[in-house]
PDB file of N, CA and C in Angstrom:
ATOM      1  N   MET A   1      -4.203  32.517  28.823  1.00  0.00           N
ATOM      2  CA  MET A   1      -5.300  31.589  28.847  1.00  0.00           C
ATOM      3  C   MET A   1      -4.750  30.167  28.827  1.00  0.00           C
ATOM      4  N   GLU A   2      -5.159  29.362  29.796  1.00  0.00           N
ATOM      5  CA  GLU A   2      -4.684  27.988  29.880  1.00  0.00           C
ATOM      6  C   GLU A   2      -5.660  27.037  29.208  1.00  0.00           C
ATOM      7  N   LEU A   3      -5.130  26.002  28.648  1.00  0.00           N
ATOM      8  CA  LEU A   3      -5.958  24.997  27.986  1.00  0.00           C
ATOM      9  C   LEU A   3      -5.953  23.692  28.784  1.00  0.00           C
ATOM     10  N   THR A   4      -6.186  23.819  30.086  1.00  0.00           N
ATOM     11  CA  THR A   4      -6.115  22.633  30.929  1.00  0.00           C
ATOM     12  C   THR A   4      -7.315  21.720  30.754  1.00  0.00           C
ATOM     13  N   ASN A   5      -8.412  22.215  30.231  1.00  0.00           N
ATOM     14  CA  ASN A   5      -9.617  21.408  30.083  1.00  0.00           C
ATOM     15  C   ASN A   5      -9.705  20.708  28.720  1.00  0.00           C
ATOM     16  N   VAL A   6      -8.714  20.899  27.903  1.00  0.00           N
ATOM     17  CA  VAL A   6      -8.728  20.291  26.569  1.00  0.00           C
ATOM     18  C   VAL A   6      -8.224  18.851  26.673  1.00  0.00           C
ATOM     19  N   ILE A   7      -8.997  17.943  26.148  1.00  0.00           N
ATOM     20  CA  ILE A   7      -8.589  16.534  26.123  1.00  0.00           C
ATOM     21  C   ILE A   7      -7.959  16.263  24.769  1.00  0.00           C
ATOM     22  N   GLU A   8      -6.736  15.789  24.809  1.00  0.00           N
ATOM     23  CA  GLU A   8      -6.047  15.501  23.561  1.00  0.00           C
ATOM     24  C   GLU A   8      -6.360  14.073  23.135  1.00  0.00           C
ATOM     25  N   LYS A   9      -6.775  13.952  21.895  1.00  0.00           N
ATOM     26  CA  LYS A   9      -7.025  12.632  21.325  1.00  0.00           C
ATOM     27  C   LYS A   9      -5.894  12.338  20.342  1.00  0.00           C
ATOM     28  N   PRO A  10      -5.475  11.079  20.289  1.00  0.00           N
ATOM     29  CA  PRO A  10      -4.436  10.754  19.309  1.00  0.00           C
ATOM     30  C   PRO A  10      -4.954  10.975  17.891  1.00  0.00           C
ATOM     31  N   VAL A  11      -4.098  11.534  17.081  1.00  0.00           N
ATOM     32  CA  VAL A  11      -4.478  11.811  15.704  1.00  0.00           C
ATOM     33  C   VAL A  11      -4.330  10.524  14.892  1.00  0.00           C
ATOM     34  N   GLN A  12      -5.433  10.111  14.255  1.00  0.00           N
ATOM     35  CA  GLN A  12      -5.394   8.924  13.409  1.00  0.00           C
ATOM     36  C   GLN A  12      -5.458   9.366  11.953  1.00  0.00           C
ATOM     37  N   PRO A  13      -4.690   8.718  11.124  1.00  0.00           N
ATOM     38  CA  PRO A  13      -4.711   9.101   9.714  1.00  0.00           C
ATOM     39  C   PRO A  13      -6.071   8.788   9.093  1.00  0.00           C
ATOM     40  N   VAL A  14      -6.485   9.614   8.167  1.00  0.00           N
ATOM     41  CA  VAL A  14      -7.727   9.375   7.451  1.00  0.00           C
ATOM     42  C   VAL A  14      -7.406   8.438   6.294  1.00  0.00           C
ATOM     43  N   ILE A  15      -7.975   7.256   6.382  1.00  0.00           N
ATOM     44  CA  ILE A  15      -7.727   6.245   5.349  1.00  0.00           C
ATOM     45  C   ILE A  15      -9.067   5.940   4.699  1.00  0.00           C
ATOM     46  N   THR A  16      -9.134   6.128   3.401  1.00  0.00           N
ATOM     47  CA  THR A  16     -10.383   5.851   2.705  1.00  0.00           C
ATOM     48  C   THR A  16     -10.251   4.562   1.898  1.00  0.00           C
ATOM     49  N   TYR A  17     -11.391   3.952   1.668  1.00  0.00           N
ATOM     50  CA  TYR A  17     -11.388   2.754   0.841  1.00  0.00           C
ATOM     51  C   TYR A  17     -10.940   3.087  -0.585  1.00  0.00           C
ATOM     52  N   LEU A  18     -11.205   4.308  -1.022  1.00  0.00           N
ATOM     53  CA  LEU A  18     -10.769   4.724  -2.356  1.00  0.00           C
ATOM     54  C   LEU A  18      -9.246   4.698  -2.455  1.00  0.00           C
ATOM     55  N   GLN A  19      -8.560   5.169  -1.424  1.00  0.00           N
ATOM     56  CA  GLN A  19      -7.095   5.144  -1.417  1.00  0.00           C
ATOM     57  C   GLN A  19      -6.578   3.708  -1.496  1.00  0.00           C
ATOM     58  N   ILE A  20      -7.204   2.827  -0.738  1.00  0.00           N
ATOM     59  CA  ILE A  20      -6.793   1.430  -0.735  1.00  0.00           C
ATOM     60  C   ILE A  20      -7.082   0.808  -2.094  1.00  0.00           C
ATOM     61  N   GLU A  21      -8.238   1.129  -2.659  1.00  0.00           N
ATOM     62  CA  GLU A  21      -8.609   0.608  -3.974  1.00  0.00           C
ATOM     63  C   GLU A  21      -7.631   1.070  -5.052  1.00  0.00           C
ATOM     64  N   GLN A  22      -7.229   2.333  -4.995  1.00  0.00           N
ATOM     65  CA  GLN A  22      -6.287   2.868  -5.980  1.00  0.00           C
ATOM     66  C   GLN A  22      -4.928   2.194  -5.862  1.00  0.00           C
ATOM     67  N   LEU A  23      -4.476   1.967  -4.633  1.00  0.00           N
ATOM     68  CA  LEU A  23      -3.199   1.288  -4.434  1.00  0.00           C
ATOM     69  C   LEU A  23      -3.292  -0.164  -4.918  1.00  0.00           C
ATOM     70  N   ALA A  24      -4.418  -0.804  -4.654  1.00  0.00           N
ATOM     71  CA  ALA A  24      -4.606  -2.185  -5.116  1.00  0.00           C
ATOM     72  C   ALA A  24      -4.618  -2.253  -6.644  1.00  0.00           C
ATOM     73  N   GLU A  25      -5.184  -1.243  -7.274  1.00  0.00           N
ATOM     74  CA  GLU A  25      -5.197  -1.200  -8.744  1.00  0.00           C
ATOM     75  C   GLU A  25      -3.774  -1.056  -9.293  1.00  0.00           C
ATOM     76  N   LYS A  26      -2.981  -0.177  -8.684  1.00  0.00           N
ATOM     77  CA  LYS A  26      -1.584  -0.018  -9.098  1.00  0.00           C
ATOM     78  C   LYS A  26      -0.814  -1.320  -8.886  1.00  0.00           C
ATOM     79  N   HIS A  27      -1.100  -1.985  -7.778  1.00  0.00           N
ATOM     80  CA  HIS A  27      -0.444  -3.253  -7.467  1.00  0.00           C
ATOM     81  C   HIS A  27      -0.798  -4.302  -8.522  1.00  0.00           C
ATOM     82  N   SER A  28      -2.052  -4.354  -8.904  1.00  0.00           N
ATOM     83  CA  SER A  28      -2.498  -5.301  -9.924  1.00  0.00           C
ATOM     84  C   SER A  28      -1.798  -5.039 -11.258  1.00  0.00           C
ATOM     85  N   GLU A  29      -1.704  -3.778 -11.627  1.00  0.00           N
ATOM     86  CA  GLU A  29      -1.027  -3.425 -12.878  1.00  0.00           C
ATOM     87  C   GLU A  29       0.442  -3.838 -12.845  1.00  0.00           C
ATOM     88  N   LEU A  30       1.081  -3.616 -11.710  1.00  0.00           N
ATOM     89  CA  LEU A  30       2.485  -4.005 -11.568  1.00  0.00           C
ATOM     90  C   LEU A  30       2.633  -5.524 -11.664  1.00  0.00           C
ATOM     91  N   CYS A  31       1.735  -6.258 -11.010  1.00  0.00           N
ATOM     92  CA  CYS A  31       1.784  -7.720 -11.067  1.00  0.00           C
ATOM     93  C   CYS A  31       1.641  -8.217 -12.503  1.00  0.00           C
ATOM     94  N   HIS A  32       0.691  -7.654 -13.231  1.00  0.00           N
ATOM     95  CA  HIS A  32       0.493  -8.056 -14.618  1.00  0.00           C
ATOM     96  C   HIS A  32       1.713  -7.710 -15.483  1.00  0.00           C
ATOM     97  N   GLY A  33       2.295  -6.566 -15.227  1.00  0.00           N
ATOM     98  CA  GLY A  33       3.482  -6.157 -15.972  1.00  0.00           C
ATOM     99  C   GLY A  33       4.665  -7.072 -15.715  1.00  0.00           C
ATOM    100  N   VAL A  34       4.857  -7.444 -14.468  1.00  0.00           N
ATOM    101  CA  VAL A  34       5.961  -8.347 -14.120  1.00  0.00           C
ATOM    102  C   VAL A  34       5.727  -9.718 -14.739  1.00  0.00           C
ATOM    103  N   TYR A  35       4.493 -10.193 -14.659  1.00  0.00           N
ATOM    104  CA  TYR A  35       4.149 -11.488 -15.252  1.00  0.00           C
ATOM    105  C   TYR A  35       4.418 -11.480 -16.763  1.00  0.00           C
ATOM    106  N   ALA A  36       3.982 -10.420 -17.427  1.00  0.00           N
ATOM    107  CA  ALA A  36       4.194 -10.305 -18.867  1.00  0.00           C
ATOM    108  C   ALA A  36       5.684 -10.246 -19.200  1.00  0.00           C
ATOM    109  N   SER A  37       6.445  -9.570 -18.354  1.00  0.00           N
ATOM    110  CA  SER A  37       7.885  -9.467 -18.582  1.00  0.00           C
ATOM    111  C   SER A  37       8.563 -10.822 -18.459  1.00  0.00           C
ATOM    112  N   PHE A  38       8.163 -11.603 -17.449  1.00  0.00           N
ATOM    113  CA  PHE A  38       8.721 -12.946 -17.313  1.00  0.00           C
ATOM    114  C   PHE A  38       8.337 -13.812 -18.514  1.00  0.00           C
ATOM    115  N   ASN A  39       7.099 -13.683 -18.959  1.00  0.00           N
ATOM    116  CA  ASN A  39       6.676 -14.433 -20.146  1.00  0.00           C
ATOM    117  C   ASN A  39       7.430 -13.996 -21.389  1.00  0.00           C
ATOM    118  N   GLY A  40       7.882 -12.761 -21.395  1.00  0.00           N
ATOM    119  CA  GLY A  40       8.642 -12.235 -22.535  1.00  0.00           C
ATOM    120  C   GLY A  40      10.116 -12.577 -22.486  1.00  0.00           C
ATOM    121  N   GLY A  41      10.524 -13.278 -21.436  1.00  0.00           N
ATOM    122  CA  GLY A  41      11.912 -13.722 -21.363  1.00  0.00           C
ATOM    123  C   GLY A  41      12.803 -12.949 -20.415  1.00  0.00           C
ATOM    124  N   ALA A  42      12.226 -12.028 -19.665  1.00  0.00           N
ATOM    125  CA  ALA A  42      13.043 -11.253 -18.716  1.00  0.00           C
ATOM    126  C   ALA A  42      13.597 -12.178 -17.628  1.00  0.00           C
ATOM    127  N   GLN A  43      14.749 -11.840 -17.143  1.00  0.00           N
ATOM    128  CA  GLN A  43      15.395 -12.593 -16.072  1.00  0.00           C
ATOM    129  C   GLN A  43      15.050 -11.972 -14.717  1.00  0.00           C
ATOM    130  N   PHE A  44      15.218 -12.776 -13.670  1.00  0.00           N
ATOM    131  CA  PHE A  44      14.922 -12.310 -12.317  1.00  0.00           C
ATOM    132  C   PHE A  44      15.662 -11.013 -12.002  1.00  0.00           C
ATOM    133  N   GLU A  45      16.909 -10.954 -12.366  1.00  0.00           N
ATOM    134  CA  GLU A  45      17.724  -9.767 -12.071  1.00  0.00           C
ATOM    135  C   GLU A  45      17.148  -8.518 -12.724  1.00  0.00           C
ATOM    136  N   ASP A  46      16.514  -8.698 -13.880  1.00  0.00           N
ATOM    137  CA  ASP A  46      15.902  -7.562 -14.575  1.00  0.00           C
ATOM    138  C   ASP A  46      14.697  -7.011 -13.816  1.00  0.00           C
ATOM    139  N   LEU A  47      14.035  -7.888 -13.079  1.00  0.00           N
ATOM    140  CA  LEU A  47      12.765  -7.506 -12.451  1.00  0.00           C
ATOM    141  C   LEU A  47      12.819  -7.474 -10.925  1.00  0.00           C
ATOM    142  N   GLU A  48      13.986  -7.703 -10.373  1.00  0.00           N
ATOM    143  CA  GLU A  48      14.100  -7.795  -8.917  1.00  0.00           C
ATOM    144  C   GLU A  48      13.545  -6.564  -8.200  1.00  0.00           C
ATOM    145  N   SER A  49      13.878  -5.382  -8.685  1.00  0.00           N
ATOM    146  CA  SER A  49      13.406  -4.164  -8.012  1.00  0.00           C
ATOM    147  C   SER A  49      11.880  -4.054  -8.087  1.00  0.00           C
ATOM    148  N   LEU A  50      11.294  -4.502  -9.199  1.00  0.00           N
ATOM    149  CA  LEU A  50       9.833  -4.475  -9.318  1.00  0.00           C
ATOM    150  C   LEU A  50       9.179  -5.502  -8.404  1.00  0.00           C
ATOM    151  N   LEU A  51       9.817  -6.652  -8.249  1.00  0.00           N
ATOM    152  CA  LEU A  51       9.298  -7.668  -7.332  1.00  0.00           C
ATOM    153  C   LEU A  51       9.321  -7.163  -5.891  1.00  0.00           C
ATOM    154  N   LEU A  52      10.380  -6.453  -5.535  1.00  0.00           N
ATOM    155  CA  LEU A  52      10.459  -5.870  -4.192  1.00  0.00           C
ATOM    156  C   LEU A  52       9.374  -4.807  -3.998  1.00  0.00           C
ATOM    157  N   LYS A  53       9.117  -4.032  -5.040  1.00  0.00           N
ATOM    158  CA  LYS A  53       8.051  -3.033  -4.975  1.00  0.00           C
ATOM    159  C   LYS A  53       6.696  -3.726  -4.792  1.00  0.00           C
ATOM    160  N   MET A  54       6.500  -4.874  -5.466  1.00  0.00           N
ATOM    161  CA  MET A  54       5.257  -5.626  -5.309  1.00  0.00           C
ATOM    162  C   MET A  54       5.067  -6.049  -3.855  1.00  0.00           C
ATOM    163  N   LEU A  55       6.137  -6.519  -3.231  1.00  0.00           N
ATOM    164  CA  LEU A  55       6.060  -6.922  -1.827  1.00  0.00           C
ATOM    165  C   LEU A  55       5.715  -5.731  -0.929  1.00  0.00           C
ATOM    166  N   ASP A  56       6.351  -4.606  -1.194  1.00  0.00           N
ATOM    167  CA  ASP A  56       6.070  -3.396  -0.411  1.00  0.00           C
ATOM    168  C   ASP A  56       4.615  -2.967  -0.555  1.00  0.00           C
ATOM    169  N   GLN A  57       4.114  -2.995  -1.790  1.00  0.00           N
ATOM    170  CA  GLN A  57       2.724  -2.601  -2.028  1.00  0.00           C
ATOM    171  C   GLN A  57       1.758  -3.548  -1.323  1.00  0.00           C
ATOM    172  N   ALA A  58       2.025  -4.846  -1.404  1.00  0.00           N
ATOM    173  CA  ALA A  58       1.150  -5.826  -0.754  1.00  0.00           C
ATOM    174  C   ALA A  58       1.128  -5.592   0.752  1.00  0.00           C
ATOM    175  N   SER A  59       2.279  -5.306   1.319  1.00  0.00           N
ATOM    176  CA  SER A  59       2.377  -5.018   2.754  1.00  0.00           C
ATOM    177  C   SER A  59       1.604  -3.754   3.114  1.00  0.00           C
ATOM    178  N   GLU A  60       1.750  -2.740   2.289  1.00  0.00           N
ATOM    179  CA  GLU A  60       1.061  -1.471   2.544  1.00  0.00           C
ATOM    180  C   GLU A  60      -0.453  -1.642   2.456  1.00  0.00           C
ATOM    181  N   ILE A  61      -0.920  -2.386   1.466  1.00  0.00           N
ATOM    182  CA  ILE A  61      -2.355  -2.638   1.320  1.00  0.00           C
ATOM    183  C   ILE A  61      -2.872  -3.368   2.557  1.00  0.00           C
ATOM    184  N   SER A  62      -2.154  -4.388   2.990  1.00  0.00           N
ATOM    185  CA  SER A  62      -2.553  -5.150   4.165  1.00  0.00           C
ATOM    186  C   SER A  62      -2.614  -4.259   5.401  1.00  0.00           C
ATOM    187  N   SER A  63      -1.589  -3.443   5.593  1.00  0.00           N
ATOM    188  CA  SER A  63      -1.543  -2.541   6.746  1.00  0.00           C
ATOM    189  C   SER A  63      -2.693  -1.536   6.727  1.00  0.00           C
ATOM    190  N   LEU A  64      -2.952  -0.961   5.563  1.00  0.00           N
ATOM    191  CA  LEU A  64      -4.031   0.016   5.443  1.00  0.00           C
ATOM    192  C   LEU A  64      -5.384  -0.624   5.748  1.00  0.00           C
ATOM    193  N   LEU A  65      -5.588  -1.837   5.265  1.00  0.00           N
ATOM    194  CA  LEU A  65      -6.852  -2.522   5.542  1.00  0.00           C
ATOM    195  C   LEU A  65      -6.998  -2.816   7.034  1.00  0.00           C
ATOM    196  N   MET A  66      -5.915  -3.232   7.681  1.00  0.00           N
ATOM    197  CA  MET A  66      -5.977  -3.488   9.126  1.00  0.00           C
ATOM    198  C   MET A  66      -6.279  -2.204   9.884  1.00  0.00           C
ATOM    199  N   LEU A  67      -5.601  -1.109   9.508  1.00  0.00           N
ATOM    200  CA  LEU A  67      -5.857   0.174  10.167  1.00  0.00           C
ATOM    201  C   LEU A  67      -7.295   0.618   9.965  1.00  0.00           C
ATOM    202  N   LYS A  68      -7.774   0.495   8.728  1.00  0.00           N
ATOM    203  CA  LYS A  68      -9.131   0.923   8.401  1.00  0.00           C
ATOM    204  C   LYS A  68     -10.156   0.125   9.202  1.00  0.00           C
ATOM    205  N   ASN A  69      -9.916  -1.159   9.362  1.00  0.00           N
ATOM    206  CA  ASN A  69     -10.852  -1.996  10.108  1.00  0.00           C
ATOM    207  C   ASN A  69     -10.827  -1.725  11.602  1.00  0.00           C
ATOM    208  N   ASN A  70      -9.731  -1.145  12.096  1.00  0.00           N
ATOM    209  CA  ASN A  70      -9.614  -0.853  13.523  1.00  0.00           C
ATOM    210  C   ASN A  70     -10.095   0.541  13.892  1.00  0.00           C
ATOM    211  N   ILE A  71     -10.379   1.366  12.896  1.00  0.00           N
ATOM    212  CA  ILE A  71     -10.804   2.748  13.183  1.00  0.00           C
ATOM    213  C   ILE A  71     -12.281   2.767  13.503  1.00  0.00           C
TER     214      ILE A  71
END
């Protein structure tokens, strides 16, 4: 049996606002934690990996919102 009449559609990921909201909440918690750590006397070197994670999360949130708006 041939499937010549089947039209293939590109598969788009299912992105929900709940997923974006949950990631934004985690991002907010991380931001507050980093801020509190700096206020507590932590040095940049102590928090560098967390700052990089903050950048990654912000990028991911932005990308997800753009994808969601284009679907």
